[in-house]
Amino acid sequence: MVNDKQAALFLKPLQMQYPAAFKRNFVFYGMLKTKGLMDEIKEFIPWILAIMIFVSLSLSLGHYFEIHFPRFTTFQAHGFAVLCFMLLFMLYVPIVLKQMKHSSSSCYEQQQHAPIKIAALIMLQAINIAFVESTFLQIVLFFFAMGFGFVKFYKENLFRNSATHVGLYYLQELRRFNFWSYKQTIKLKFKLKFTGKNTAQYQQKIKQLQHFHTLHLKSMHMEQQLCQTHKHQDLENYLDSLM
């Protein structure tokens, strides 16, 4: 494990040498970090956002379907609207998981099964629309879909009580750099396909690729170590710390 000072020393030269990695480069998860399993009012923030965004838009879309597709019943119109947002989560989640995989291995391990969960909810909602037609079931399914598709990514919990705002800032900066350095390796690999192997430019790009690959591995390791410093490994580890 590393402390905040070590993380700062690691980040400082990177911020000076690669300013582009920390500008207009975002990871779409862990925007809100909370201590422990429940962190009072912060727990409601992502749910309030989810309700304001997805529930309101779902109601509007359901009303649109009801007007423009008169063959649909009211339940079917709103059911298809909910299904549309579930499908949106299914498209969005793999993109975020891709970021996680190459910026925070611990977060990826925790959330990697989210698409399977959302796929199961989509199937249940389709069955509900076709056969069951239960408004209560639809509300429950949409609730879980927002949880797996938005809240779980927006909010990251299980941080230790000793975690500081500075430490969490460094953690997020490391994740941003991790994903940026990964993107550089992808860009270089793509460029190498269109560069002659016997040219000086090819050799230069090979060296750059090796450099960014090594840098990415070092930064990923630093993020993992800092994550272990500030965050409980899993729920079991968190519960053990309470005893």
Protein backbone atom coordinates (compact mmCIF):
# COMPACT_ATOMS: atom_id res chain seq x y z
CA MET A 1 0.00 0.00 0.00
CA VAL A 2 1.06 3.58 -0.61
CA ASN A 3 0.18 6.84 1.10
CA ASP A 4 -1.06 10.13 -0.34
CA LYS A 5 2.42 11.65 -0.39
CA GLN A 6 3.79 8.83 -2.54
CA ALA A 7 0.83 9.15 -4.89
CA ALA A 8 1.43 12.90 -5.17
CA LEU A 9 5.11 12.34 -5.99
CA PHE A 10 4.11 9.83 -8.65
CA LEU A 11 1.49 12.11 -10.20
CA LYS A 12 3.42 15.38 -10.22
CA PRO A 13 5.86 14.56 -13.06
CA LEU A 14 3.04 12.95 -15.04
CA GLN A 15 0.93 16.10 -14.76
CA MET A 16 3.85 18.19 -15.97
CA GLN A 17 4.91 15.87 -18.79
CA TYR A 18 1.45 14.78 -19.98
CA PRO A 19 -1.01 17.64 -19.27
CA ALA A 20 -3.39 16.27 -21.92
CA ALA A 21 -4.04 13.25 -19.70
CA PHE A 22 -5.70 15.47 -17.11
CA LYS A 23 -7.64 17.77 -19.44
CA ARG A 24 -10.88 16.76 -21.13
CA ASN A 25 -10.17 13.18 -20.12
CA PHE A 26 -12.85 11.69 -17.89
CA VAL A 27 -13.77 8.33 -16.45
CA PHE A 28 -17.52 7.84 -16.10
CA TYR A 29 -17.59 6.14 -12.74
CA GLY A 30 -16.76 6.86 -9.12
CA MET A 31 -17.93 10.47 -9.30
CA LEU A 32 -19.23 10.22 -5.74
CA LYS A 33 -17.10 8.36 -3.21
CA THR A 34 -18.63 7.40 0.13
CA LYS A 35 -17.18 5.95 3.31
CA GLY A 36 -18.39 2.58 4.49
CA LEU A 37 -21.51 0.93 3.16
CA MET A 38 -23.90 3.81 3.86
CA ASP A 39 -22.81 7.43 4.07
CA GLU A 40 -25.90 9.31 5.24
CA ILE A 41 -27.27 11.88 2.80
CA LYS A 42 -24.76 11.04 0.06
CA GLU A 43 -26.58 7.77 -0.52
CA PHE A 44 -29.61 9.67 -1.80
CA ILE A 45 -27.75 11.87 -4.30
CA PRO A 46 -27.37 9.31 -7.12
CA TRP A 47 -30.91 8.02 -6.61
CA ILE A 48 -32.33 11.54 -6.76
CA LEU A 49 -30.37 12.13 -9.97
CA ALA A 50 -31.58 8.81 -11.41
CA ILE A 51 -35.21 9.64 -10.63
CA MET A 52 -34.89 13.17 -12.01
CA ILE A 53 -33.26 11.98 -15.23
CA PHE A 54 -34.52 8.51 -16.07
CA VAL A 55 -37.95 8.36 -14.43
CA SER A 56 -39.00 11.75 -15.78
CA LEU A 57 -37.72 10.95 -19.28
CA SER A 58 -39.34 7.52 -19.13
CA LEU A 59 -42.71 9.07 -18.29
CA SER A 60 -42.32 11.56 -21.14
CA LEU A 61 -41.33 8.83 -23.60
CA GLY A 62 -44.22 6.66 -22.44
CA HIS A 63 -46.61 9.54 -23.03
CA TYR A 64 -45.11 10.00 -26.51
CA PHE A 65 -45.60 6.31 -27.34
CA GLU A 66 -49.16 6.49 -26.05
CA ILE A 67 -50.00 9.39 -28.37
CA HIS A 68 -48.18 8.25 -31.52
CA PHE A 69 -48.83 4.51 -31.19
CA PRO A 70 -52.53 4.25 -30.31
CA ARG A 71 -52.48 0.45 -30.62
CA PHE A 72 -50.43 0.34 -27.40
CA THR A 73 -52.26 0.32 -24.10
CA THR A 74 -51.14 2.80 -21.44
CA PHE A 75 -49.20 0.07 -19.67
CA GLN A 76 -47.51 -1.10 -22.86
CA ALA A 77 -46.53 2.44 -23.84
CA HIS A 78 -44.86 3.11 -20.51
CA GLY A 79 -43.48 -0.43 -20.42
CA PHE A 80 -41.70 0.06 -23.74
CA ALA A 81 -40.37 3.40 -22.50
CA VAL A 82 -38.85 1.65 -19.47
CA LEU A 83 -37.47 -1.04 -21.76
CA CYS A 84 -35.81 1.62 -23.93
CA PHE A 85 -33.91 2.98 -20.94
CA MET A 86 -32.89 -0.52 -19.88
CA LEU A 87 -31.46 -1.00 -23.37
CA LEU A 88 -29.71 2.35 -23.03
CA PHE A 89 -28.06 1.10 -19.85
CA MET A 90 -27.01 -2.04 -21.71
CA LEU A 91 -25.27 0.11 -24.34
CA TYR A 92 -23.71 2.49 -21.82
CA VAL A 93 -22.46 0.04 -19.19
CA PRO A 94 -19.93 -1.84 -21.41
CA ILE A 95 -18.30 1.49 -22.28
CA VAL A 96 -17.86 2.32 -18.60
CA LEU A 97 -16.63 -1.20 -17.88
CA LYS A 98 -14.05 -0.76 -20.62
CA GLN A 99 -12.80 2.34 -18.81
CA MET A 100 -12.79 0.46 -15.51
CA LYS A 101 -10.85 -2.47 -16.89
CA HIS A 102 -8.01 -0.20 -17.97
CA SER A 103 -8.07 2.29 -15.11
CA SER A 104 -9.10 0.44 -11.93
CA SER A 105 -8.92 -3.34 -11.76
CA SER A 106 -10.64 -3.48 -8.34
CA CYS A 107 -13.67 -1.52 -9.57
CA TYR A 108 -13.85 -3.68 -12.68
CA GLU A 109 -13.88 -6.87 -10.61
CA GLN A 110 -16.80 -5.54 -8.58
CA GLN A 111 -18.92 -4.37 -11.51
CA GLN A 112 -17.99 -6.69 -14.38
CA HIS A 113 -21.24 -8.68 -14.13
CA ALA A 114 -23.50 -5.63 -14.45
CA PRO A 115 -24.39 -6.33 -18.14
CA ILE A 116 -25.63 -9.82 -17.22
CA LYS A 117 -27.84 -8.37 -14.48
CA ILE A 118 -29.25 -5.73 -16.81
CA ALA A 119 -29.84 -8.33 -19.54
CA ALA A 120 -31.86 -10.40 -17.05
CA LEU A 121 -33.92 -7.32 -16.14
CA ILE A 122 -34.56 -6.62 -19.84
CA MET A 123 -35.86 -10.16 -20.34
CA LEU A 124 -38.11 -9.89 -17.29
CA GLN A 125 -39.45 -6.54 -18.46
CA ALA A 126 -40.19 -7.97 -21.92
CA ILE A 127 -42.09 -10.85 -20.29
CA ASN A 128 -43.89 -8.35 -18.08
CA ILE A 129 -45.02 -6.31 -21.09
CA ALA A 130 -46.12 -9.35 -23.08
CA PHE A 131 -47.81 -11.45 -20.40
CA VAL A 132 -47.85 -10.20 -16.81
CA GLU A 133 -48.64 -6.48 -17.24
CA SER A 134 -47.80 -5.64 -13.64
CA THR A 135 -47.08 -2.00 -12.87
CA PHE A 136 -45.55 -2.93 -9.52
CA LEU A 137 -43.16 -5.40 -11.17
CA GLN A 138 -42.24 -2.77 -13.75
CA ILE A 139 -41.37 -0.27 -11.01
CA VAL A 140 -39.23 -2.86 -9.21
CA LEU A 141 -37.41 -3.84 -12.41
CA PHE A 142 -36.76 -0.21 -13.34
CA PHE A 143 -35.49 0.46 -9.82
CA PHE A 144 -32.92 -2.33 -10.12
CA ALA A 145 -32.02 -1.28 -13.67
CA MET A 146 -31.21 2.25 -12.47
CA GLY A 147 -29.21 0.74 -9.62
CA PHE A 148 -27.11 -1.56 -11.81
CA GLY A 149 -26.90 0.81 -14.78
CA PHE A 150 -26.35 4.17 -13.11
CA VAL A 151 -26.15 4.33 -9.31
CA LYS A 152 -23.53 1.58 -8.93
CA PHE A 153 -21.25 3.43 -11.34
CA TYR A 154 -21.95 6.96 -10.18
CA LYS A 155 -21.35 6.11 -6.51
CA GLU A 156 -18.38 4.17 -5.19
CA ASN A 157 -18.59 3.09 -1.56
CA LEU A 158 -16.63 1.04 1.01
CA PHE A 159 -13.96 3.69 1.51
CA ARG A 160 -12.27 3.70 4.89
CA ASN A 161 -13.06 6.35 7.50
CA SER A 162 -9.41 7.41 7.31
CA ALA A 163 -9.71 8.27 3.61
CA THR A 164 -9.08 11.96 2.93
CA HIS A 165 -10.44 14.18 0.18
CA VAL A 166 -6.89 14.66 -1.08
CA GLY A 167 -6.31 10.91 -1.25
CA LEU A 168 -9.55 10.36 -3.15
CA TYR A 169 -8.57 13.14 -5.55
CA TYR A 170 -5.24 11.43 -6.24
CA LEU A 171 -7.06 8.15 -6.77
CA GLN A 172 -9.34 9.69 -9.38
CA GLU A 173 -6.41 11.41 -11.11
CA LEU A 174 -4.56 8.10 -11.32
CA ARG A 175 -7.59 6.50 -12.90
CA ARG A 176 -7.81 9.28 -15.46
CA PHE A 177 -4.15 8.85 -16.33
CA ASN A 178 -4.51 5.07 -16.49
CA PHE A 179 -7.22 5.26 -19.10
CA TRP A 180 -5.40 7.98 -21.04
CA SER A 181 -2.17 5.96 -21.18
CA TYR A 182 -4.15 2.93 -22.33
CA LYS A 183 -5.68 4.99 -25.14
CA GLN A 184 -2.20 6.08 -26.21
CA THR A 185 -1.13 2.45 -26.60
CA ILE A 186 -4.23 1.74 -28.71
CA LYS A 187 -3.56 4.76 -30.93
CA LEU A 188 0.06 3.76 -31.42
CA LYS A 189 -0.87 0.16 -32.27
CA PHE A 190 -3.31 1.48 -34.86
CA LYS A 191 -0.70 3.81 -36.38
CA LEU A 192 1.84 0.99 -36.53
CA LYS A 193 -0.44 -0.93 -38.89
CA PHE A 194 0.00 1.82 -41.48
CA THR A 195 3.71 2.41 -40.92
CA GLY A 196 6.43 0.57 -42.81
CA LYS A 197 8.36 -1.81 -40.57
CA ASN A 198 11.73 -0.85 -42.02
CA THR A 199 11.34 2.86 -41.33
CA ALA A 200 12.74 5.00 -38.53
CA GLN A 201 9.21 6.19 -37.80
CA TYR A 202 8.14 2.61 -37.08
CA GLN A 203 10.99 2.10 -34.61
CA GLN A 204 10.15 5.39 -32.92
CA LYS A 205 6.52 4.37 -32.51
CA ILE A 206 7.58 0.99 -31.11
CA LYS A 207 9.62 2.76 -28.44
CA GLN A 208 6.69 5.06 -27.66
CA LEU A 209 4.38 2.06 -27.41
CA GLN A 210 6.72 0.30 -25.00
CA HIS A 211 7.07 3.49 -22.97
CA PHE A 212 3.31 4.05 -22.61
CA HIS A 213 2.68 0.37 -21.93
CA THR A 214 5.22 0.37 -19.09
CA LEU A 215 3.85 3.65 -17.79
CA HIS A 216 0.32 2.27 -17.87
CA LEU A 217 1.31 -0.81 -15.87
CA LYS A 218 3.12 1.30 -13.27
CA SER A 219 0.18 3.67 -12.93
CA MET A 220 -2.31 0.80 -12.67
CA HIS A 221 -0.21 -0.70 -9.89
CA MET A 222 -0.06 2.64 -8.09
CA GLU A 223 -3.84 3.03 -8.35
CA GLN A 224 -4.36 -0.46 -6.96
CA GLN A 225 -2.03 0.21 -4.03
CA LEU A 226 -3.67 3.56 -3.25
CA CYS A 227 -7.09 1.94 -3.53
CA GLN A 228 -6.07 -0.65 -0.94
CA THR A 229 -4.94 2.17 1.34
CA HIS A 230 -8.22 4.06 1.21
CA LYS A 231 -10.82 1.41 0.43
CA HIS A 232 -12.02 -1.86 1.90
CA GLN A 233 -11.38 -4.74 -0.46
CA ASP A 234 -14.97 -6.00 -0.35
CA LEU A 235 -18.08 -6.10 1.81
CA GLU A 236 -16.73 -8.96 3.92
CA ASN A 237 -13.55 -7.01 4.63
CA TYR A 238 -15.63 -3.97 5.58
CA LEU A 239 -17.82 -5.97 7.97
CA ASP A 240 -14.73 -7.52 9.57
CA SER A 241 -13.37 -4.03 10.24
CA LEU A 242 -16.52 -3.19 12.22
CA MET A 243 -16.06 -6.11 14.60
